[in-house]
Amino acid sequence: MKYALLIYGAESQWNALSEAEQMAMFEKHGAYSEALVQAGLMVSGEPLDVAETAKRITDDGVQDGPYADTKEQLGGFYVIEAGTLQTALDWAAKCPRLPGDQIEVRSVPAYGDA
């Protein structure tokens, strides 16, 4: 089963980091990605641009982001192939994050299973 590990955090917290601190976090994600590859779980993963660059298509046309009136934004994701939900949760718990960030785990049903 595929699982999406969705990384939510406050962009303001990320922006408050020094360049060195941001690079250190990127290095942690690189090591985490490599560990997922070595474990045979990695399908894909990417960071996302800031929420204000997002566009949303609605019945009323195109809207500019951000949309939710919350301090957390979706900042990136991993898609992994794990045998069980518990395995996905265990790996999600290892995902690098800043204090207060959250990792949401959602199954990705195979086409036709949804």
Protein backbone atom coordinates (compact mmCIF):
# COMPACT_ATOMS: atom_id res chain seq x y z
CA MET A 1 0.00 0.00 0.00
CA LYS A 2 1.19 3.49 -0.78
CA TYR A 3 1.08 6.15 1.92
CA ALA A 4 1.51 9.89 1.61
CA LEU A 5 3.43 11.56 4.44
CA LEU A 6 2.26 15.18 4.31
CA ILE A 7 4.42 17.72 6.11
CA TYR A 8 2.53 20.63 7.67
CA GLY A 9 4.22 23.53 9.39
CA ALA A 10 4.26 27.27 9.85
CA GLU A 11 6.07 28.97 6.98
CA SER A 12 6.83 31.84 9.35
CA GLN A 13 8.87 29.44 11.50
CA TRP A 14 10.81 28.25 8.45
CA ASN A 15 11.42 31.83 7.32
CA ALA A 16 12.79 32.71 10.77
CA LEU A 17 15.58 30.15 10.39
CA SER A 18 19.02 31.24 9.30
CA GLU A 19 20.29 30.02 5.93
CA ALA A 20 22.57 27.59 7.78
CA GLU A 21 19.63 26.23 9.79
CA GLN A 22 17.57 25.81 6.61
CA MET A 23 20.45 23.96 4.93
CA ALA A 24 20.80 21.71 7.99
CA MET A 25 17.11 20.80 7.69
CA PHE A 26 17.52 20.06 3.97
CA GLU A 27 20.45 17.78 4.87
CA LYS A 28 18.26 15.97 7.42
CA HIS A 29 15.62 15.43 4.74
CA GLY A 30 18.30 14.17 2.36
CA ALA A 31 19.42 11.61 4.95
CA TYR A 32 15.80 10.66 5.66
CA SER A 33 15.13 10.21 1.94
CA GLU A 34 18.22 8.02 1.61
CA ALA A 35 17.07 5.91 4.57
CA LEU A 36 13.69 5.43 2.86
CA VAL A 37 15.48 4.37 -0.34
CA GLN A 38 17.74 1.96 1.56
CA ALA A 39 14.67 0.45 3.26
CA GLY A 40 13.00 -0.02 -0.14
CA LEU A 41 10.08 2.25 0.77
CA MET A 42 10.66 5.45 -1.21
CA VAL A 43 8.29 6.17 -4.10
CA SER A 44 8.68 9.95 -4.34
CA GLY A 45 8.92 13.12 -2.35
CA GLU A 46 9.24 16.84 -2.92
CA PRO A 47 9.24 20.12 -1.04
CA LEU A 48 6.54 22.59 -2.09
CA ASP A 49 6.86 26.30 -2.77
CA VAL A 50 5.33 28.74 -0.27
CA ALA A 51 1.54 28.79 0.08
CA GLU A 52 1.19 32.29 -1.34
CA THR A 53 2.36 30.98 -4.74
CA ALA A 54 -0.47 28.43 -4.84
CA LYS A 55 -3.42 28.68 -7.20
CA ARG A 56 -6.77 27.02 -6.72
CA ILE A 57 -9.27 26.31 -9.47
CA THR A 58 -12.90 26.69 -8.32
CA ASP A 59 -16.27 27.17 -9.94
CA ASP A 60 -15.56 30.91 -9.67
CA GLY A 61 -12.25 30.67 -11.51
CA VAL A 62 -8.67 30.89 -10.28
CA GLN A 63 -7.94 31.98 -6.72
CA ASP A 64 -4.55 32.97 -5.34
CA GLY A 65 -3.22 31.33 -2.15
CA PRO A 66 -2.90 30.95 0.69
CA TYR A 67 -6.38 29.67 1.44
CA ALA A 68 -6.76 28.33 4.95
CA ASP A 69 -6.88 30.77 7.83
CA THR A 70 -4.34 28.72 9.80
CA LYS A 71 -0.70 29.07 10.63
CA GLU A 72 0.21 25.68 9.14
CA GLN A 73 0.75 25.09 5.45
CA LEU A 74 1.54 21.97 3.44
CA GLY A 75 5.28 22.29 2.89
CA GLY A 76 6.18 19.01 1.24
CA PHE A 77 5.44 15.33 1.01
CA TYR A 78 6.81 11.85 0.67
CA VAL A 79 5.03 8.91 -0.93
CA ILE A 80 6.19 5.57 0.41
CA GLU A 81 5.27 1.94 -0.25
CA ALA A 82 4.80 0.23 3.10
CA GLY A 83 3.39 -3.17 3.99
CA THR A 84 1.32 -1.85 6.88
CA LEU A 85 -0.08 1.39 8.25
CA GLN A 86 2.08 0.89 11.34
CA THR A 87 5.22 0.83 9.18
CA ALA A 88 4.11 4.09 7.54
CA LEU A 89 3.44 5.64 10.95
CA ASP A 90 6.84 4.50 12.24
CA TRP A 91 8.58 6.16 9.29
CA ALA A 92 6.43 9.28 9.57
CA ALA A 93 7.59 9.62 13.18
CA LYS A 94 11.20 9.70 11.91
CA CYS A 95 10.53 12.46 9.37
CA PRO A 96 12.55 15.62 10.10
CA ARG A 97 10.39 18.51 11.21
CA LEU A 98 10.58 21.74 13.12
CA PRO A 99 9.00 21.98 16.58
CA GLY A 100 5.23 22.09 16.19
CA ASP A 101 5.24 20.70 12.63
CA GLN A 102 2.94 17.77 11.95
CA ILE A 103 3.15 14.80 9.61
CA GLU A 104 -0.21 13.59 8.28
CA VAL A 105 -0.27 10.00 7.00
CA ARG A 106 -2.84 9.08 4.37
CA SER A 107 -3.20 5.94 2.35
CA VAL A 108 -3.07 6.28 -1.42
CA PRO A 109 -5.56 3.82 -2.89
CA ALA A 110 -4.69 2.11 -6.14
CA TYR A 111 -6.62 3.41 -9.13
CA GLY A 112 -10.13 2.00 -8.98
CA ASP A 113 -9.94 1.28 -5.22
CA ALA A 114 -11.20 4.73 -4.19
